[in-house]
């Protein structure tokens, strides 16, 4: 099956592009994973992301990995129609994904064709490695994380909030530091990277 990924910096700013990319959204169930946000002081994007999904007619089924049972994690990731991973700290997100085994479940579902929506940290984690984002996200928030390999859904590295405050300066520094060794795809808050099988396009709203 070919992979379908909708990768953004700020989902609420590009949500209207989702129905063009994925038909028949109304009534579908989204496994909504806000885990990356729980170690951040600013997390308004979690509620705005949920609201944007609901406005498209989707049913939001929240899954907080750090507190969920193994049964709940497996059931929601495998049975729901779409997987959505919010922004926040990418290192903490990956730590909890690995600790709970959610990473393997998600990789399996997405490789089988399930739509994956990643916002900021949720987009970064689809790369081969998340090391490049360490000046934007503090690795110290994930003391138990040993392996920084990402999901590897794509061969590039999403660089979110490229032209948006308060991240613009740091995003540009990441670009300077890594663009010679990695394939970086910088996106602003009103851009989205759409991956459909072998085709990858960036669209602006």
N, C-alpha and C. Protein backbone atom coordinates (compact mmCIF):
# COMPACT_ATOMS: atom_id res chain seq x y z
N UNK A 1 0.85 -1.21 0.00
CA UNK A 1 0.00 0.00 0.00
C UNK A 1 0.87 1.24 0.00
N UNK A 2 0.35 2.29 -0.62
CA UNK A 2 1.14 3.52 -0.62
C UNK A 2 0.78 4.39 0.59
N UNK A 3 1.78 5.10 1.07
CA UNK A 3 1.59 5.94 2.27
C UNK A 3 0.86 7.23 1.92
N UNK A 4 0.02 7.68 2.85
CA UNK A 4 -0.66 8.98 2.72
C UNK A 4 -0.36 9.82 3.95
N UNK A 5 0.36 10.91 3.73
CA UNK A 5 0.76 11.77 4.85
C UNK A 5 0.35 13.21 4.57
N UNK A 6 -0.14 13.86 5.62
CA UNK A 6 -0.52 15.28 5.56
C UNK A 6 0.30 15.95 6.65
N UNK A 7 1.40 16.62 6.26
CA UNK A 7 2.38 17.11 7.22
C UNK A 7 2.37 18.63 7.28
N UNK A 8 2.09 19.16 8.46
CA UNK A 8 1.93 20.61 8.59
C UNK A 8 2.71 21.17 9.78
N UNK A 9 2.81 22.51 9.81
CA UNK A 9 3.36 23.20 10.98
C UNK A 9 2.24 23.53 11.95
N UNK A 10 1.11 23.96 11.37
CA UNK A 10 -0.05 24.41 12.15
C UNK A 10 -1.31 23.92 11.44
N UNK A 11 -1.90 22.85 11.96
CA UNK A 11 -3.01 22.21 11.24
C UNK A 11 -4.17 23.15 11.00
N UNK A 12 -4.51 23.97 11.99
CA UNK A 12 -5.70 24.82 11.82
C UNK A 12 -5.55 25.76 10.62
N UNK A 13 -4.30 26.10 10.28
CA UNK A 13 -4.07 27.02 9.15
C UNK A 13 -4.17 26.35 7.78
N UNK A 14 -4.14 25.02 7.75
CA UNK A 14 -4.19 24.31 6.46
C UNK A 14 -5.30 23.26 6.42
N UNK A 15 -6.13 23.22 7.46
CA UNK A 15 -7.17 22.17 7.57
C UNK A 15 -8.08 22.11 6.36
N UNK A 16 -8.35 23.26 5.74
CA UNK A 16 -9.28 23.27 4.60
C UNK A 16 -8.71 22.53 3.38
N UNK A 17 -7.41 22.24 3.39
CA UNK A 17 -6.81 21.49 2.28
C UNK A 17 -6.99 19.98 2.45
N UNK A 18 -7.37 19.55 3.65
CA UNK A 18 -7.48 18.10 3.90
C UNK A 18 -8.56 17.42 3.05
N UNK A 19 -9.77 18.02 2.90
CA UNK A 19 -10.79 17.33 2.10
C UNK A 19 -10.41 17.15 0.63
N UNK A 20 -9.52 18.01 0.12
CA UNK A 20 -9.05 17.82 -1.27
C UNK A 20 -8.14 16.60 -1.34
N UNK A 21 -7.42 16.36 -0.26
CA UNK A 21 -6.41 15.29 -0.23
C UNK A 21 -7.03 13.94 0.12
N UNK A 22 -7.99 13.96 1.04
CA UNK A 22 -8.65 12.72 1.48
C UNK A 22 -10.16 12.90 1.39
N UNK A 23 -10.77 12.13 0.52
CA UNK A 23 -12.22 12.25 0.31
C UNK A 23 -13.00 11.56 1.44
N UNK A 24 -14.28 11.87 1.52
CA UNK A 24 -15.20 11.19 2.47
C UNK A 24 -14.71 11.21 3.92
N UNK A 25 -14.44 12.39 4.41
CA UNK A 25 -13.96 12.51 5.79
C UNK A 25 -15.09 12.41 6.82
N UNK A 26 -16.27 12.86 6.44
CA UNK A 26 -17.37 12.99 7.42
C UNK A 26 -17.68 11.66 8.10
N UNK A 27 -17.67 11.71 9.45
CA UNK A 27 -18.01 10.51 10.23
C UNK A 27 -16.84 9.59 10.51
N UNK A 28 -15.67 9.90 9.91
CA UNK A 28 -14.51 9.04 10.18
C UNK A 28 -13.91 9.37 11.54
N UNK A 29 -13.27 8.36 12.13
CA UNK A 29 -12.72 8.51 13.48
C UNK A 29 -11.22 8.74 13.43
N UNK A 30 -10.80 9.78 14.16
CA UNK A 30 -9.37 10.15 14.20
C UNK A 30 -8.78 9.81 15.57
N UNK A 31 -7.71 9.03 15.57
CA UNK A 31 -6.95 8.82 16.81
C UNK A 31 -6.08 10.06 16.99
N UNK A 32 -6.41 10.85 17.99
CA UNK A 32 -5.78 12.16 18.19
C UNK A 32 -4.78 12.06 19.34
N UNK A 33 -3.49 12.18 19.02
CA UNK A 33 -2.42 11.96 19.99
C UNK A 33 -1.76 13.29 20.38
N UNK A 34 -2.10 13.85 21.56
CA UNK A 34 -1.57 15.15 21.97
C UNK A 34 -0.29 15.05 22.81
N UNK A 35 0.29 13.86 22.87
CA UNK A 35 1.37 13.56 23.82
C UNK A 35 2.53 14.56 23.78
N UNK A 36 2.95 14.99 22.59
CA UNK A 36 4.10 15.91 22.49
C UNK A 36 3.86 17.21 23.23
N UNK A 37 2.58 17.58 23.38
CA UNK A 37 2.25 18.89 23.95
C UNK A 37 2.27 18.93 25.47
N UNK A 38 2.25 17.76 26.12
CA UNK A 38 2.04 17.79 27.58
C UNK A 38 3.25 18.28 28.37
N UNK A 39 4.42 18.35 27.71
CA UNK A 39 5.59 18.89 28.41
C UNK A 39 5.85 20.36 28.01
N UNK A 40 4.93 20.93 27.24
CA UNK A 40 5.08 22.31 26.79
C UNK A 40 4.17 23.25 27.57
N UNK A 41 4.61 24.48 27.75
CA UNK A 41 3.78 25.46 28.46
C UNK A 41 2.68 26.00 27.55
N UNK A 42 3.00 26.11 26.27
CA UNK A 42 2.02 26.64 25.31
C UNK A 42 1.46 25.46 24.52
N UNK A 43 0.16 25.25 24.58
CA UNK A 43 -0.42 24.09 23.89
C UNK A 43 -1.80 24.40 23.32
N UNK A 44 -2.04 25.66 22.98
CA UNK A 44 -3.35 26.06 22.42
C UNK A 44 -3.66 25.31 21.13
N UNK A 45 -2.61 24.90 20.41
CA UNK A 45 -2.78 24.23 19.10
C UNK A 45 -3.49 22.89 19.23
N UNK A 46 -3.48 22.31 20.44
CA UNK A 46 -4.16 21.02 20.63
C UNK A 46 -5.66 21.21 20.46
N UNK A 47 -6.21 22.20 21.15
CA UNK A 47 -7.66 22.46 21.05
C UNK A 47 -8.04 22.96 19.66
N UNK A 48 -7.19 23.82 19.07
CA UNK A 48 -7.54 24.35 17.75
C UNK A 48 -7.46 23.24 16.69
N UNK A 49 -6.54 22.29 16.88
CA UNK A 49 -6.46 21.15 15.96
C UNK A 49 -7.70 20.29 16.04
N UNK A 50 -8.14 20.01 17.28
CA UNK A 50 -9.36 19.21 17.49
C UNK A 50 -10.56 19.88 16.83
N UNK A 51 -10.68 21.18 17.09
CA UNK A 51 -11.80 21.95 16.57
C UNK A 51 -11.83 21.91 15.03
N UNK A 52 -10.64 22.05 14.43
CA UNK A 52 -10.55 22.02 12.97
C UNK A 52 -10.97 20.67 12.41
N UNK A 53 -10.61 19.60 13.10
CA UNK A 53 -11.02 18.26 12.67
C UNK A 53 -12.53 18.10 12.76
N UNK A 54 -13.10 18.56 13.88
CA UNK A 54 -14.54 18.44 14.08
C UNK A 54 -15.32 19.26 13.05
N UNK A 55 -14.76 20.41 12.69
CA UNK A 55 -15.43 21.25 11.67
C UNK A 55 -15.45 20.57 10.31
N UNK A 56 -14.54 19.63 10.10
CA UNK A 56 -14.53 18.87 8.84
C UNK A 56 -15.43 17.63 8.91
N UNK A 57 -16.10 17.48 10.07
CA UNK A 57 -17.04 16.35 10.21
C UNK A 57 -16.41 15.09 10.76
N UNK A 58 -15.18 15.20 11.26
CA UNK A 58 -14.49 14.04 11.80
C UNK A 58 -14.80 13.85 13.30
N UNK A 59 -14.67 12.62 13.77
CA UNK A 59 -14.89 12.31 15.18
C UNK A 59 -13.52 12.16 15.83
N UNK A 60 -13.26 12.97 16.85
CA UNK A 60 -11.95 12.97 17.51
C UNK A 60 -11.96 12.00 18.69
N UNK A 61 -11.04 11.04 18.66
CA UNK A 61 -10.90 10.05 19.72
C UNK A 61 -9.50 10.22 20.32
N UNK A 62 -9.44 10.90 21.47
CA UNK A 62 -8.13 11.26 22.03
C UNK A 62 -7.39 10.06 22.61
N UNK A 63 -6.07 10.07 22.40
CA UNK A 63 -5.23 9.00 22.95
C UNK A 63 -3.96 9.63 23.53
N UNK A 64 -3.93 9.75 24.85
CA UNK A 64 -2.74 10.28 25.53
C UNK A 64 -1.83 9.12 25.89
N UNK A 65 -0.74 8.97 25.13
CA UNK A 65 0.12 7.79 25.26
C UNK A 65 0.72 7.64 26.65
N UNK A 66 1.04 8.77 27.30
CA UNK A 66 1.75 8.68 28.58
C UNK A 66 0.90 8.08 29.70
N UNK A 67 -0.43 8.06 29.51
CA UNK A 67 -1.30 7.53 30.56
C UNK A 67 -2.20 6.37 30.08
N UNK A 68 -2.22 6.10 28.79
CA UNK A 68 -3.14 5.08 28.25
C UNK A 68 -2.64 3.67 28.54
N UNK A 69 -3.58 2.74 28.56
CA UNK A 69 -3.21 1.32 28.71
C UNK A 69 -2.77 0.78 27.36
N UNK A 70 -2.05 -0.34 27.40
CA UNK A 70 -1.58 -0.98 26.16
C UNK A 70 -2.76 -1.36 25.27
N UNK A 71 -3.85 -1.82 25.90
CA UNK A 71 -5.03 -2.24 25.13
C UNK A 71 -5.66 -1.04 24.41
N UNK A 72 -5.75 0.06 25.15
CA UNK A 72 -6.35 1.27 24.59
C UNK A 72 -5.52 1.78 23.41
N UNK A 73 -4.20 1.77 23.58
CA UNK A 73 -3.30 2.24 22.52
C UNK A 73 -3.48 1.39 21.27
N UNK A 74 -3.45 0.08 21.44
CA UNK A 74 -3.56 -0.81 20.28
C UNK A 74 -4.92 -0.66 19.60
N UNK A 75 -5.97 -0.63 20.41
CA UNK A 75 -7.32 -0.56 19.87
C UNK A 75 -7.54 0.73 19.06
N UNK A 76 -7.15 1.87 19.64
CA UNK A 76 -7.41 3.14 18.97
C UNK A 76 -6.56 3.33 17.71
N UNK A 77 -5.30 2.91 17.78
CA UNK A 77 -4.43 3.09 16.61
C UNK A 77 -4.85 2.16 15.47
N UNK A 78 -5.22 0.94 15.81
CA UNK A 78 -5.53 -0.02 14.73
C UNK A 78 -6.97 0.10 14.22
N UNK A 79 -7.91 0.47 15.10
CA UNK A 79 -9.32 0.46 14.68
C UNK A 79 -9.84 1.76 14.07
N UNK A 80 -9.26 2.89 14.46
CA UNK A 80 -9.76 4.16 13.93
C UNK A 80 -9.25 4.40 12.51
N UNK A 81 -9.87 5.37 11.83
CA UNK A 81 -9.61 5.55 10.39
C UNK A 81 -8.37 6.37 10.07
N UNK A 82 -8.03 7.30 10.98
CA UNK A 82 -6.95 8.26 10.71
C UNK A 82 -6.12 8.42 11.97
N UNK A 83 -4.83 8.68 11.81
CA UNK A 83 -3.95 8.95 12.96
C UNK A 83 -3.49 10.40 12.88
N UNK A 84 -3.63 11.12 13.99
CA UNK A 84 -3.24 12.54 14.04
C UNK A 84 -2.30 12.73 15.22
N UNK A 85 -1.13 13.30 14.96
CA UNK A 85 -0.16 13.54 16.03
C UNK A 85 0.14 15.04 16.10
N UNK A 86 -0.11 15.63 17.28
CA UNK A 86 0.02 17.08 17.43
C UNK A 86 1.47 17.51 17.60
N UNK A 87 1.64 18.84 17.69
CA UNK A 87 2.94 19.42 17.95
C UNK A 87 3.30 19.35 19.42
N UNK A 88 4.49 19.89 19.72
CA UNK A 88 5.02 19.87 21.08
C UNK A 88 6.49 19.50 21.03
N UNK A 89 6.94 18.71 21.98
CA UNK A 89 8.34 18.31 22.03
C UNK A 89 8.53 16.96 21.32
N UNK A 90 9.29 16.98 20.23
CA UNK A 90 9.46 15.76 19.41
C UNK A 90 10.19 14.66 20.17
N UNK A 91 11.14 15.03 21.02
CA UNK A 91 11.91 14.02 21.75
C UNK A 91 11.04 13.31 22.79
N UNK A 92 10.23 14.07 23.52
CA UNK A 92 9.31 13.46 24.48
C UNK A 92 8.30 12.58 23.75
N UNK A 93 7.83 13.06 22.61
CA UNK A 93 6.87 12.29 21.81
C UNK A 93 7.46 10.94 21.41
N UNK A 94 8.68 10.96 20.88
CA UNK A 94 9.31 9.72 20.44
C UNK A 94 9.58 8.79 21.63
N UNK A 95 10.01 9.37 22.74
CA UNK A 95 10.25 8.58 23.96
C UNK A 95 8.99 7.79 24.34
N UNK A 96 7.84 8.48 24.36
CA UNK A 96 6.59 7.83 24.76
C UNK A 96 6.08 6.86 23.69
N UNK A 97 6.33 7.18 22.43
CA UNK A 97 5.95 6.27 21.33
C UNK A 97 6.68 4.93 21.50
N UNK A 98 7.99 5.03 21.74
CA UNK A 98 8.80 3.81 21.87
C UNK A 98 8.44 3.05 23.15
N UNK A 99 8.30 3.79 24.25
CA UNK A 99 8.02 3.16 25.56
C UNK A 99 6.72 2.35 25.52
N UNK A 100 5.72 2.86 24.82
CA UNK A 100 4.41 2.20 24.79
C UNK A 100 4.23 1.24 23.61
N UNK A 101 5.17 1.27 22.67
CA UNK A 101 5.03 0.44 21.47
C UNK A 101 4.11 1.05 20.42
N UNK A 102 3.64 2.28 20.68
CA UNK A 102 2.77 2.96 19.71
C UNK A 102 3.49 3.21 18.40
N UNK A 103 4.82 3.39 18.47
CA UNK A 103 5.59 3.65 17.23
C UNK A 103 5.42 2.51 16.23
N UNK A 104 5.57 1.28 16.71
CA UNK A 104 5.47 0.11 15.80
C UNK A 104 4.05 -0.01 15.23
N UNK A 105 3.05 0.24 16.09
CA UNK A 105 1.66 0.15 15.64
C UNK A 105 1.38 1.20 14.56
N UNK A 106 1.84 2.42 14.79
CA UNK A 106 1.60 3.51 13.83
C UNK A 106 2.32 3.23 12.52
N UNK A 107 3.59 2.81 12.60
CA UNK A 107 4.35 2.51 11.39
C UNK A 107 3.63 1.44 10.57
N UNK A 108 3.14 0.43 11.24
CA UNK A 108 2.43 -0.66 10.57
C UNK A 108 1.16 -0.16 9.87
N UNK A 109 0.37 0.65 10.59
CA UNK A 109 -0.89 1.16 10.03
C UNK A 109 -0.64 2.09 8.84
N UNK A 110 0.33 2.98 8.98
CA UNK A 110 0.61 3.95 7.91
C UNK A 110 1.19 3.25 6.69
N UNK A 111 2.05 2.26 6.93
CA UNK A 111 2.60 1.50 5.80
C UNK A 111 1.51 0.68 5.10
N UNK A 112 0.39 0.46 5.81
CA UNK A 112 -0.74 -0.27 5.21
C UNK A 112 -1.74 0.68 4.54
N UNK A 113 -1.43 1.99 4.53
CA UNK A 113 -2.27 2.93 3.80
C UNK A 113 -3.15 3.85 4.63
N UNK A 114 -3.09 3.74 5.97
CA UNK A 114 -3.92 4.62 6.82
C UNK A 114 -3.38 6.04 6.78
N UNK A 115 -4.27 7.01 6.66
CA UNK A 115 -3.87 8.41 6.59
C UNK A 115 -3.24 8.86 7.91
N UNK A 116 -2.09 9.53 7.79
CA UNK A 116 -1.37 10.08 8.94
C UNK A 116 -1.32 11.60 8.80
N UNK A 117 -1.79 12.29 9.84
CA UNK A 117 -1.71 13.74 9.88
C UNK A 117 -0.72 14.12 10.97
N UNK A 118 0.34 14.82 10.59
CA UNK A 118 1.34 15.22 11.57
C UNK A 118 1.45 16.73 11.61
N UNK A 119 1.38 17.28 12.83
CA UNK A 119 1.47 18.72 13.00
C UNK A 119 2.75 19.04 13.78
N UNK A 120 3.64 19.84 13.19
CA UNK A 120 4.89 20.24 13.84
C UNK A 120 5.68 19.00 14.32
N UNK A 121 5.75 18.74 15.63
CA UNK A 121 6.47 17.55 16.11
C UNK A 121 5.95 16.27 15.45
N UNK A 122 4.64 16.24 15.21
CA UNK A 122 4.03 15.08 14.55
C UNK A 122 4.49 14.91 13.11
N UNK A 123 4.94 16.01 12.49
CA UNK A 123 5.50 15.95 11.13
C UNK A 123 6.99 15.63 11.19
N UNK A 124 7.68 16.21 12.17
CA UNK A 124 9.13 15.98 12.33
C UNK A 124 9.44 14.50 12.55
N UNK A 125 8.59 13.83 13.32
CA UNK A 125 8.84 12.43 13.69
C UNK A 125 8.75 11.46 12.50
N UNK A 126 8.24 11.93 11.36
CA UNK A 126 8.14 11.06 10.18
C UNK A 126 9.49 10.94 9.45
N UNK A 127 10.47 11.75 9.84
CA UNK A 127 11.79 11.77 9.18
C UNK A 127 12.64 10.55 9.59
N UNK A 128 13.77 10.35 8.90
CA UNK A 128 14.65 9.23 9.29
C UNK A 128 15.23 9.40 10.69
N UNK A 129 15.47 10.65 11.12
CA UNK A 129 15.99 10.91 12.47
C UNK A 129 15.44 12.26 12.93
N UNK A 130 15.34 12.44 14.26
CA UNK A 130 14.83 13.74 14.76
C UNK A 130 15.95 14.59 15.35
N UNK A 131 17.19 14.14 15.20
CA UNK A 131 18.33 14.84 15.80
C UNK A 131 18.39 16.31 15.38
N UNK A 132 18.06 16.58 14.12
CA UNK A 132 18.19 17.92 13.56
C UNK A 132 17.33 18.98 14.25
N UNK A 133 16.31 18.55 14.99
CA UNK A 133 15.36 19.52 15.57
C UNK A 133 15.74 19.90 17.01
N UNK A 134 16.91 19.44 17.46
CA UNK A 134 17.26 19.60 18.88
C UNK A 134 17.43 21.05 19.33
N UNK A 135 17.69 21.99 18.42
CA UNK A 135 17.78 23.38 18.88
C UNK A 135 16.40 24.03 18.98
N UNK A 136 15.38 23.39 18.37
CA UNK A 136 14.00 23.90 18.48
C UNK A 136 13.28 23.21 19.64
N UNK A 137 13.55 21.92 19.82
CA UNK A 137 12.93 21.13 20.90
C UNK A 137 14.03 20.63 21.83
N UNK A 138 13.81 20.74 23.13
CA UNK A 138 14.84 20.32 24.08
C UNK A 138 14.85 18.80 24.29
N UNK A 139 15.97 18.13 23.97
CA UNK A 139 16.07 16.68 24.22
C UNK A 139 16.02 16.36 25.72
N UNK A 140 16.27 17.35 26.56
CA UNK A 140 16.27 17.12 28.01
C UNK A 140 14.89 16.73 28.54
N UNK A 141 13.85 17.03 27.75
CA UNK A 141 12.50 16.66 28.19
C UNK A 141 12.22 15.17 27.97
N UNK A 142 13.19 14.48 27.40
CA UNK A 142 13.03 13.03 27.16
C UNK A 142 14.25 12.29 27.71
N UNK A 143 14.40 12.25 29.02
CA UNK A 143 15.61 11.66 29.62
C UNK A 143 15.80 10.18 29.33
N UNK A 144 14.72 9.47 28.99
CA UNK A 144 14.83 8.03 28.75
C UNK A 144 14.97 7.66 27.28
N UNK A 145 15.05 8.67 26.42
CA UNK A 145 15.14 8.39 24.98
C UNK A 145 16.58 8.09 24.58
N UNK A 146 16.79 6.92 24.03
CA UNK A 146 18.14 6.53 23.61
C UNK A 146 18.26 6.61 22.09
N UNK A 147 17.24 6.09 21.42
CA UNK A 147 17.27 6.00 19.95
C UNK A 147 16.50 7.18 19.35
N UNK A 148 17.17 7.99 18.53
CA UNK A 148 16.48 9.16 17.96
C UNK A 148 16.08 8.95 16.50
N UNK A 149 16.00 7.68 16.10
CA UNK A 149 15.49 7.40 14.76
C UNK A 149 14.01 7.76 14.70
N UNK A 150 13.60 8.45 13.62
CA UNK A 150 12.19 8.76 13.43
C UNK A 150 11.48 7.58 12.77
N UNK A 151 10.25 7.81 12.32
CA UNK A 151 9.48 6.74 11.67
C UNK A 151 10.03 6.35 10.30
N UNK A 152 10.74 7.29 9.66
CA UNK A 152 11.31 6.98 8.34
C UNK A 152 10.26 6.84 7.25
N UNK A 153 9.11 7.50 7.42
CA UNK A 153 8.07 7.44 6.37
C UNK A 153 8.54 8.16 5.11
N UNK A 154 9.41 9.16 5.30
CA UNK A 154 9.90 9.97 4.18
C UNK A 154 11.43 10.04 4.25
N UNK A 155 12.07 10.43 3.14
CA UNK A 155 13.53 10.53 3.16
C UNK A 155 13.99 11.96 3.46
N UNK A 156 13.01 12.85 3.68
CA UNK A 156 13.35 14.24 3.99
C UNK A 156 13.01 14.56 5.44
N UNK A 157 13.32 15.79 5.84
CA UNK A 157 13.13 16.22 7.23
C UNK A 157 12.30 17.51 7.23
N UNK A 158 11.08 17.43 7.75
CA UNK A 158 10.21 18.60 7.78
C UNK A 158 10.76 19.62 8.77
N UNK A 159 10.84 20.87 8.34
CA UNK A 159 11.29 21.94 9.23
C UNK A 159 10.13 22.92 9.40
N UNK A 160 9.37 22.77 10.50
CA UNK A 160 8.14 23.55 10.65
C UNK A 160 8.37 25.00 11.08
N UNK A 161 7.35 25.82 10.90
CA UNK A 161 7.31 27.23 11.35
C UNK A 161 8.45 28.07 10.76
N UNK A 162 8.81 27.77 9.50
CA UNK A 162 10.02 28.38 8.93
C UNK A 162 9.96 29.90 8.85
N UNK A 163 8.79 30.45 8.60
CA UNK A 163 8.69 31.91 8.50
C UNK A 163 7.81 32.50 9.60
N UNK A 164 7.58 31.72 10.64
CA UNK A 164 6.63 32.16 11.67
C UNK A 164 7.27 32.32 13.04
N UNK A 165 6.90 33.41 13.70
CA UNK A 165 7.35 33.63 15.08
C UNK A 165 6.58 32.68 15.99
N UNK A 166 7.13 32.25 17.11
CA UNK A 166 8.43 32.64 17.66
C UNK A 166 9.58 31.74 17.21
N UNK A 167 9.35 30.94 16.18
CA UNK A 167 10.34 29.91 15.79
C UNK A 167 11.23 30.28 14.61
N UNK A 168 10.94 31.41 13.98
CA UNK A 168 11.59 31.72 12.71
C UNK A 168 13.12 31.70 12.81
N UNK A 169 13.65 32.39 13.81
CA UNK A 169 15.10 32.51 13.94
C UNK A 169 15.75 31.13 14.13
N UNK A 170 15.16 30.34 15.01
CA UNK A 170 15.72 29.03 15.31
C UNK A 170 15.55 28.08 14.11
N UNK A 171 14.44 28.20 13.41
CA UNK A 171 14.22 27.36 12.21
C UNK A 171 15.27 27.68 11.14
N UNK A 172 15.58 28.94 10.98
CA UNK A 172 16.60 29.34 10.00
C UNK A 172 17.98 28.82 10.41
N UNK A 173 18.22 28.79 11.72
CA UNK A 173 19.51 28.27 12.20
C UNK A 173 19.61 26.75 11.93
N UNK A 174 18.51 26.04 12.16
CA UNK A 174 18.48 24.60 11.87
C UNK A 174 18.79 24.38 10.38
N UNK A 175 18.19 25.22 9.54
CA UNK A 175 18.41 25.10 8.10
C UNK A 175 19.90 25.31 7.77
N UNK A 176 20.48 26.34 8.34
CA UNK A 176 21.91 26.62 8.10
C UNK A 176 22.79 25.46 8.57
N UNK A 177 22.46 24.93 9.74
CA UNK A 177 23.30 23.88 10.33
C UNK A 177 23.21 22.53 9.60
N UNK A 178 22.03 22.24 9.03
CA UNK A 178 21.82 20.87 8.51
C UNK A 178 21.58 20.76 7.00
N UNK A 179 21.37 21.89 6.32
CA UNK A 179 20.95 21.77 4.91
C UNK A 179 22.02 21.15 4.01
N UNK A 180 23.29 21.18 4.44
CA UNK A 180 24.32 20.58 3.59
C UNK A 180 24.36 19.06 3.74
N UNK A 181 23.82 18.54 4.84
CA UNK A 181 23.90 17.08 5.04
C UNK A 181 22.55 16.36 4.97
N UNK A 182 21.46 17.09 5.16
CA UNK A 182 20.13 16.45 5.14
C UNK A 182 19.24 17.10 4.10
N UNK A 183 18.23 16.34 3.65
CA UNK A 183 17.20 16.95 2.79
C UNK A 183 16.18 17.58 3.73
N UNK A 184 16.19 18.91 3.79
CA UNK A 184 15.25 19.62 4.66
C UNK A 184 14.13 20.19 3.83
N UNK A 185 12.91 20.11 4.34
CA UNK A 185 11.77 20.74 3.68
C UNK A 185 11.16 21.75 4.65
N UNK A 186 11.57 23.03 4.54
CA UNK A 186 11.00 24.04 5.42
C UNK A 186 9.59 24.39 4.99
N UNK A 187 8.69 24.51 5.96
CA UNK A 187 7.32 24.95 5.65
C UNK A 187 6.87 26.00 6.65
N UNK A 188 6.06 26.93 6.16
CA UNK A 188 5.48 27.94 7.05
C UNK A 188 4.21 27.37 7.66
N UNK A 189 3.55 28.15 8.52
CA UNK A 189 2.32 27.68 9.16
C UNK A 189 1.17 27.50 8.19
N UNK A 190 1.23 28.17 7.03
CA UNK A 190 0.11 27.97 6.08
C UNK A 190 0.51 27.13 4.88
N UNK A 191 1.51 26.26 5.09
CA UNK A 191 1.88 25.29 4.04
C UNK A 191 1.73 23.87 4.58
N UNK A 192 1.53 22.96 3.66
CA UNK A 192 1.42 21.55 4.03
C UNK A 192 2.19 20.72 3.00
N UNK A 193 2.82 19.65 3.49
CA UNK A 193 3.48 18.69 2.59
C UNK A 193 2.55 17.49 2.47
N UNK A 194 2.17 17.19 1.23
CA UNK A 194 1.26 16.07 0.97
C UNK A 194 2.06 14.93 0.35
N UNK A 195 2.01 13.78 0.97
CA UNK A 195 2.70 12.61 0.45
C UNK A 195 1.64 11.57 0.10
N UNK A 196 1.63 11.19 -1.16
CA UNK A 196 0.68 10.18 -1.62
C UNK A 196 1.46 9.17 -2.44
N UNK A 197 1.83 8.06 -1.79
CA UNK A 197 2.68 7.09 -2.47
C UNK A 197 4.05 7.70 -2.72
N UNK A 198 4.45 7.70 -4.00
CA UNK A 198 5.78 8.23 -4.34
C UNK A 198 5.73 9.73 -4.62
N UNK A 199 4.54 10.30 -4.64
CA UNK A 199 4.41 11.73 -4.99
C UNK A 199 4.40 12.60 -3.74
N UNK A 200 5.22 13.63 -3.74
CA UNK A 200 5.28 14.58 -2.62
C UNK A 200 5.13 15.99 -3.16
N UNK A 201 4.14 16.73 -2.67
CA UNK A 201 3.97 18.12 -3.10
C UNK A 201 3.78 19.01 -1.87
N UNK A 202 4.23 20.26 -2.00
CA UNK A 202 3.98 21.24 -0.93
C UNK A 202 2.93 22.20 -1.42
N UNK A 203 1.91 22.43 -0.61
CA UNK A 203 0.81 23.33 -0.98
C UNK A 203 0.67 24.42 0.05
N UNK A 204 0.26 25.61 -0.41
CA UNK A 204 0.01 26.71 0.53
C UNK A 204 -1.48 26.97 0.58
N UNK A 205 -1.96 27.39 1.73
CA UNK A 205 -3.38 27.71 1.88
C UNK A 205 -3.57 29.22 1.76
